[in-house]
């Protein structure tokens, strides 16, 4: 039986479980002490939350009103404290058992078709601002990517709205009370499931989309900065490039593209006050010798990630 204090379910990876075994495991969970509480979930939410009853009409409401809606966005625009995985198949709430992964903190399941969202709370929320440390974002993106594969979760899921646990429309199971740290989730992943250091755009999910977009856009911006003499033109070019990079299974919304493009444009524009004309750039390149101007400018944003390379 799954115990809330244990890292993994007892079955080995790949074991096929019958319906009776799954339901007995779920019943055992509800009998365990220390299950996640609705108040813990509610108090972790932002003060104002995007929410909806039908996906079509998304509005921002105060927390107390938003949690009455069937779908909510648990994470704020700049901070990730919860990971949700969309399991679009019957008995989706048991996906973590089949994958031999830790029990989610909550499961919200559609009783009509068995599809479910599994929610994992993080002990240390991760900022997804482009000006925050890059390593935690990349670490989170890689774990999110690996868990999506292990659970067989929907890669096209936007990781924006999730089924509101506790709502009358869903069958809710509250799981482990203690939030997870990223190292614990990483250790619980199957050993034969690698965490790629670079995630292809076609495979990127959740935070991985933001990281992939930022990396690609930043590299382009440093190469192209010298071609522009006006910031606004450069900023528009960054947005155009960001739209071209937004080829994910679940594309990022235009608002996130604009925010990322503007932030990258501001950073790169102010990273070097030198002469960016063709002649001036050539002179700078000659003075720097074999060290490229692109690598020199990018060092300011990547220094922490290069010194804290995670051995995964």
Protein backbone atom coordinates (compact mmCIF):
# COMPACT_ATOMS: atom_id res chain seq x y z
CA UNK A 1 0.00 0.00 0.00
CA UNK A 2 1.08 3.56 -0.67
CA UNK A 3 2.10 5.35 2.50
CA UNK A 4 2.09 9.13 2.58
CA UNK A 5 5.54 9.21 4.11
CA UNK A 6 7.09 7.01 1.42
CA UNK A 7 8.66 8.26 -1.76
CA UNK A 8 7.32 5.63 -4.13
CA UNK A 9 4.51 3.16 -4.59
CA UNK A 10 5.57 -0.43 -3.89
CA UNK A 11 5.15 -1.80 -7.41
CA UNK A 12 8.05 -1.86 -9.80
CA UNK A 13 7.99 0.41 -12.85
CA UNK A 14 5.91 -1.01 -15.66
CA UNK A 15 3.76 -3.26 -13.44
CA UNK A 16 0.16 -3.42 -14.64
CA UNK A 17 -2.30 -3.03 -11.83
CA UNK A 18 -5.89 -4.18 -11.84
CA UNK A 19 -8.80 -1.93 -11.00
CA UNK A 20 -9.30 -3.60 -7.63
CA UNK A 21 -5.69 -3.01 -6.61
CA UNK A 22 -5.91 0.66 -7.61
CA UNK A 23 -9.12 1.26 -5.68
CA UNK A 24 -7.79 -0.52 -2.59
CA UNK A 25 -4.71 1.70 -2.73
CA UNK A 26 -6.88 4.81 -2.96
CA UNK A 27 -9.02 3.64 -0.04
CA UNK A 28 -5.88 3.00 2.00
CA UNK A 29 -4.77 6.55 1.24
CA UNK A 30 -7.92 8.05 2.67
CA UNK A 31 -7.38 6.09 5.89
CA UNK A 32 -3.85 7.41 6.37
CA UNK A 33 -3.16 10.31 8.76
CA UNK A 34 -1.65 13.57 7.55
CA UNK A 35 -3.43 13.94 4.22
CA UNK A 36 -3.31 17.22 2.32
CA UNK A 37 -5.99 19.62 3.48
CA UNK A 38 -8.23 21.95 1.47
CA UNK A 39 -7.09 24.88 3.61
CA UNK A 40 -3.43 24.22 2.73
CA UNK A 41 -4.35 24.30 -0.94
CA UNK A 42 -6.44 27.46 -0.67
CA UNK A 43 -3.85 29.34 1.39
CA UNK A 44 -1.15 28.59 -1.19
CA UNK A 45 -3.08 30.23 -4.00
CA UNK A 46 -2.43 33.80 -5.20
CA UNK A 47 -4.74 36.52 -3.91
CA UNK A 48 -6.31 36.93 -7.35
CA UNK A 49 -6.73 33.88 -9.59
CA UNK A 50 -7.69 33.17 -13.17
CA UNK A 51 -10.65 30.80 -13.12
CA UNK A 52 -13.48 29.43 -15.21
CA UNK A 53 -16.40 27.02 -15.19
CA UNK A 54 -16.15 26.07 -18.87
CA UNK A 55 -12.65 27.07 -20.14
CA UNK A 56 -14.26 29.53 -22.56
CA UNK A 57 -14.80 32.41 -20.14
CA UNK A 58 -11.70 32.92 -18.00
CA UNK A 59 -11.89 35.71 -15.43
CA UNK A 60 -9.69 36.92 -12.57
CA UNK A 61 -11.38 36.78 -9.19
CA UNK A 62 -10.34 37.04 -5.53
CA UNK A 63 -9.20 33.74 -4.06
CA UNK A 64 -12.36 33.11 -2.02
CA UNK A 65 -14.54 33.43 -5.14
CA UNK A 66 -12.19 31.74 -7.58
CA UNK A 67 -12.04 28.43 -5.71
CA UNK A 68 -15.79 28.09 -6.23
CA UNK A 69 -15.18 27.72 -9.97
CA UNK A 70 -14.53 24.33 -11.56
CA UNK A 71 -11.14 25.33 -13.01
CA UNK A 72 -8.47 27.61 -11.56
CA UNK A 73 -4.89 28.68 -12.26
CA UNK A 74 -3.04 27.69 -9.07
CA UNK A 75 0.21 29.45 -10.00
CA UNK A 76 0.71 33.17 -10.36
CA UNK A 77 2.31 34.64 -13.45
CA UNK A 78 5.74 34.77 -11.86
CA UNK A 79 5.79 31.89 -9.36
CA UNK A 80 5.21 28.12 -9.58
CA UNK A 81 4.25 26.37 -6.35
CA UNK A 82 2.19 23.52 -7.86
CA UNK A 83 2.64 21.12 -10.76
CA UNK A 84 -0.49 19.65 -12.33
CA UNK A 85 -0.56 16.79 -14.84
CA UNK A 86 -3.48 16.12 -17.16
CA UNK A 87 -4.27 12.41 -17.53
CA UNK A 88 -6.75 12.02 -20.38
CA UNK A 89 -7.70 8.37 -20.06
CA UNK A 90 -10.06 6.26 -17.93
CA UNK A 91 -8.86 5.71 -14.37
CA UNK A 92 -6.44 8.60 -14.86
CA UNK A 93 -6.32 9.19 -11.13
CA UNK A 94 -4.29 5.98 -10.77
CA UNK A 95 -1.58 7.04 -13.25
CA UNK A 96 0.93 7.66 -10.46
CA UNK A 97 0.43 4.10 -9.18
CA UNK A 98 1.04 2.58 -12.62
CA UNK A 99 4.12 4.79 -13.09
CA UNK A 100 5.47 3.93 -9.61
CA UNK A 101 5.71 7.62 -8.70
CA UNK A 102 5.03 9.36 -5.38
CA UNK A 103 1.41 10.01 -4.45
CA UNK A 104 0.13 13.42 -5.57
CA UNK A 105 -0.92 15.93 -2.94
CA UNK A 106 -4.35 15.94 -4.52
CA UNK A 107 -6.24 14.28 -7.36
CA UNK A 108 -9.26 15.85 -9.06
CA UNK A 109 -11.02 13.32 -11.26
CA UNK A 110 -13.93 13.63 -13.63
CA UNK A 111 -16.38 10.94 -12.42
CA UNK A 112 -17.97 10.71 -15.88
CA UNK A 113 -14.91 9.56 -17.84
CA UNK A 114 -12.20 8.91 -15.24
CA UNK A 115 -9.88 11.62 -16.60
CA UNK A 116 -7.95 13.41 -13.86
CA UNK A 117 -5.53 16.12 -12.87
CA UNK A 118 -2.78 15.13 -10.45
CA UNK A 119 -1.42 17.95 -8.31
CA UNK A 120 2.04 18.11 -6.69
CA UNK A 121 2.77 20.95 -4.27
CA UNK A 122 6.34 22.27 -4.13
CA UNK A 123 8.06 22.99 -0.82
CA UNK A 124 10.05 25.82 -2.44
CA UNK A 125 8.15 27.73 -5.15
CA UNK A 126 10.15 28.45 -8.30
CA UNK A 127 10.19 31.86 -9.93
CA UNK A 128 9.73 31.88 -13.69
CA UNK A 129 10.75 35.48 -14.22
CA UNK A 130 13.38 35.93 -16.94
CA UNK A 131 15.48 37.84 -14.41
CA UNK A 132 15.43 35.06 -11.79
CA UNK A 133 18.08 32.37 -11.39
CA UNK A 134 17.96 30.09 -14.37
CA UNK A 135 18.98 26.83 -12.69
CA UNK A 136 15.84 26.26 -10.57
CA UNK A 137 13.68 26.96 -13.63
CA UNK A 138 15.63 24.49 -15.74
CA UNK A 139 15.59 21.88 -12.98
CA UNK A 140 11.81 22.24 -12.61
CA UNK A 141 11.34 22.07 -16.39
CA UNK A 142 13.35 18.85 -16.65
CA UNK A 143 11.47 17.16 -13.80
CA UNK A 144 8.13 18.31 -15.21
CA UNK A 145 9.14 16.92 -18.59
CA UNK A 146 10.21 13.55 -17.12
CA UNK A 147 7.08 13.20 -14.97
CA UNK A 148 4.87 13.98 -17.95
CA UNK A 149 6.50 11.09 -19.81
CA UNK A 150 6.34 8.72 -16.84
CA UNK A 151 2.66 9.44 -16.16
CA UNK A 152 1.67 9.38 -19.81
CA UNK A 153 0.21 12.85 -19.27
CA UNK A 154 -1.07 15.09 -22.04
CA UNK A 155 1.82 17.04 -23.59
CA UNK A 156 -0.62 19.53 -25.11
CA UNK A 157 -1.87 20.56 -21.67
CA UNK A 158 -1.14 24.26 -21.13
CA UNK A 159 -0.40 23.92 -17.38
CA UNK A 160 -2.54 26.99 -16.83
CA UNK A 161 -5.99 25.97 -15.59
CA UNK A 162 -6.48 22.84 -13.51
CA UNK A 163 -9.50 21.09 -12.06
CA UNK A 164 -10.25 22.76 -8.73
CA UNK A 165 -9.82 20.13 -5.99
CA UNK A 166 -12.81 20.02 -3.71
CA UNK A 167 -15.22 21.30 -6.34
CA UNK A 168 -18.50 19.41 -6.55
CA UNK A 169 -17.91 18.58 -10.22
CA UNK A 170 -14.85 16.44 -9.44
CA UNK A 171 -14.06 13.40 -7.35
CA UNK A 172 -11.29 14.75 -5.12
CA UNK A 173 -8.76 12.66 -3.24
CA UNK A 174 -6.45 14.54 -0.88
CA UNK A 175 -3.04 12.88 -0.75
CA UNK A 176 0.23 13.45 1.03
CA UNK A 177 0.24 16.50 3.29
CA UNK A 178 3.92 17.43 2.98
CA UNK A 179 4.91 19.31 -0.19
CA UNK A 180 7.68 17.89 -2.35
CA UNK A 181 11.09 19.33 -3.01
CA UNK A 182 12.48 18.88 -6.49
CA UNK A 183 15.28 16.56 -5.40
CA UNK A 184 12.76 14.18 -3.86
CA UNK A 185 10.73 14.03 -7.06
CA UNK A 186 13.88 13.52 -9.10
CA UNK A 187 14.97 10.58 -6.93
CA UNK A 188 11.55 8.98 -7.33
CA UNK A 189 11.70 8.95 -11.13
CA UNK A 190 12.56 5.64 -12.82
CA UNK A 191 16.28 5.22 -13.33
CA UNK A 192 15.83 4.51 -17.04
CA UNK A 193 13.98 7.81 -17.57
CA UNK A 194 16.61 10.48 -18.32
CA UNK A 195 16.17 14.17 -17.60
CA UNK A 196 17.40 15.92 -20.76
CA UNK A 197 19.54 19.00 -20.20
CA UNK A 198 18.12 20.51 -23.38
CA UNK A 199 14.44 19.96 -24.18
CA UNK A 200 13.28 20.12 -27.79
CA UNK A 201 10.53 22.62 -28.49
CA UNK A 202 8.21 19.85 -29.67
CA UNK A 203 8.63 18.06 -26.32
CA UNK A 204 8.59 21.07 -23.98
CA UNK A 205 5.75 21.22 -21.44
CA UNK A 206 4.85 23.62 -18.65
CA UNK A 207 7.81 25.70 -17.47
CA UNK A 208 9.96 23.97 -20.09
CA UNK A 209 8.25 26.11 -22.74
CA UNK A 210 9.31 29.32 -21.00
CA UNK A 211 12.88 28.10 -20.59
CA UNK A 212 13.13 26.96 -24.22
CA UNK A 213 11.66 30.22 -25.49
CA UNK A 214 13.97 32.33 -23.35
CA UNK A 215 17.11 30.41 -24.37
CA UNK A 216 16.33 30.62 -28.08
CA UNK A 217 15.25 34.25 -28.00
CA UNK A 218 18.21 35.37 -25.92
CA UNK A 219 20.69 33.72 -28.29
CA UNK A 220 19.05 35.39 -31.30
CA UNK A 221 18.90 38.78 -29.57
CA UNK A 222 22.61 38.90 -28.79
CA UNK A 223 23.49 37.99 -32.35
CA UNK A 224 21.12 40.55 -33.84
CA UNK A 225 21.54 43.51 -31.50
CA UNK A 226 24.04 45.29 -33.75
CA UNK A 227 21.53 45.41 -36.61
CA UNK A 228 19.24 47.85 -34.79
CA UNK A 229 19.73 51.48 -33.85
CA UNK A 230 16.33 52.02 -32.16
CA UNK A 231 15.12 50.09 -29.13
CA UNK A 232 11.48 49.92 -30.22
CA UNK A 233 12.41 48.34 -33.54
CA UNK A 234 14.62 45.85 -31.71
CA UNK A 235 11.83 45.04 -29.24
CA UNK A 236 9.35 44.42 -32.06
CA UNK A 237 11.89 42.16 -33.77
CA UNK A 238 12.29 40.19 -30.53
CA UNK A 239 8.52 39.71 -30.36
CA UNK A 240 8.43 38.55 -33.98
CA UNK A 241 11.22 36.07 -33.24
CA UNK A 242 9.44 34.86 -30.09
CA UNK A 243 6.31 34.13 -32.13
CA UNK A 244 8.42 32.02 -34.47
CA UNK A 245 9.86 30.07 -31.55
CA UNK A 246 6.42 29.42 -30.04
CA UNK A 247 6.00 26.03 -31.73
CA UNK A 248 5.14 23.99 -28.64
CA UNK A 249 2.39 21.39 -28.46
CA UNK A 250 0.62 23.85 -26.16
CA UNK A 251 1.79 27.29 -27.40
CA UNK A 252 2.40 30.04 -24.89
CA UNK A 253 -0.19 32.84 -24.84
CA UNK A 254 0.58 36.12 -26.60
CA UNK A 255 0.80 37.92 -23.25
CA UNK A 256 3.72 35.71 -22.18
CA UNK A 257 5.43 36.13 -25.53
CA UNK A 258 5.19 39.91 -25.26
CA UNK A 259 6.47 39.92 -21.68
CA UNK A 260 9.44 37.67 -22.46
CA UNK A 261 10.32 39.51 -25.67
CA UNK A 262 10.20 42.89 -23.94
CA UNK A 263 12.32 41.68 -21.03
CA UNK A 264 14.96 40.11 -23.28
CA UNK A 265 15.05 43.21 -25.48
CA UNK A 266 15.60 45.49 -22.47
CA UNK A 267 18.32 43.26 -21.05
CA UNK A 268 20.25 42.85 -24.28
CA UNK A 269 19.84 46.51 -25.27
CA UNK A 270 21.39 47.63 -22.01
CA UNK A 271 23.99 44.87 -21.77
CA UNK A 272 26.55 46.75 -23.84
CA UNK A 273 26.75 50.51 -24.31
CA UNK A 274 29.31 50.27 -27.08
CA UNK A 275 29.13 51.07 -30.79
CA UNK A 276 26.84 48.55 -32.48
CA UNK A 277 27.29 49.86 -36.00
CA UNK A 278 28.87 47.45 -38.47
CA UNK A 279 32.24 49.18 -38.21
CA UNK A 280 32.05 49.52 -34.45
CA UNK A 281 31.06 45.90 -34.01
CA UNK A 282 33.95 44.73 -36.18
CA UNK A 283 36.37 46.79 -34.08
CA UNK A 284 35.02 45.32 -30.85
CA UNK A 285 35.29 41.80 -32.25
CA UNK A 286 38.89 42.35 -33.27
CA UNK A 287 39.77 43.68 -29.81
CA UNK A 288 38.22 40.68 -28.11
CA UNK A 289 40.15 38.25 -30.24
CA UNK A 290 38.78 34.75 -30.25
CA UNK A 291 36.20 35.40 -27.56
CA UNK A 292 32.90 36.19 -29.23
CA UNK A 293 30.88 39.24 -28.30
CA UNK A 294 27.80 37.08 -28.01
CA UNK A 295 29.34 34.83 -25.38
CA UNK A 296 30.68 37.83 -23.45
CA UNK A 297 27.28 39.53 -23.29
CA UNK A 298 25.43 36.31 -22.45
CA UNK A 299 27.76 35.61 -19.52
CA UNK A 300 25.90 38.11 -17.37
CA UNK A 301 22.71 36.10 -17.60
CA UNK A 302 24.16 32.58 -17.43
CA UNK A 303 26.93 32.85 -14.84
CA UNK A 304 24.99 31.08 -12.10
CA UNK A 305 23.86 28.25 -14.34
CA UNK A 306 27.36 27.52 -15.53
CA UNK A 307 28.78 27.40 -12.01
CA UNK A 308 25.90 25.32 -10.66
CA UNK A 309 25.67 22.59 -13.29
CA UNK A 310 23.39 19.88 -11.98
CA UNK A 311 24.75 16.36 -12.34
CA UNK A 312 21.65 14.48 -13.42
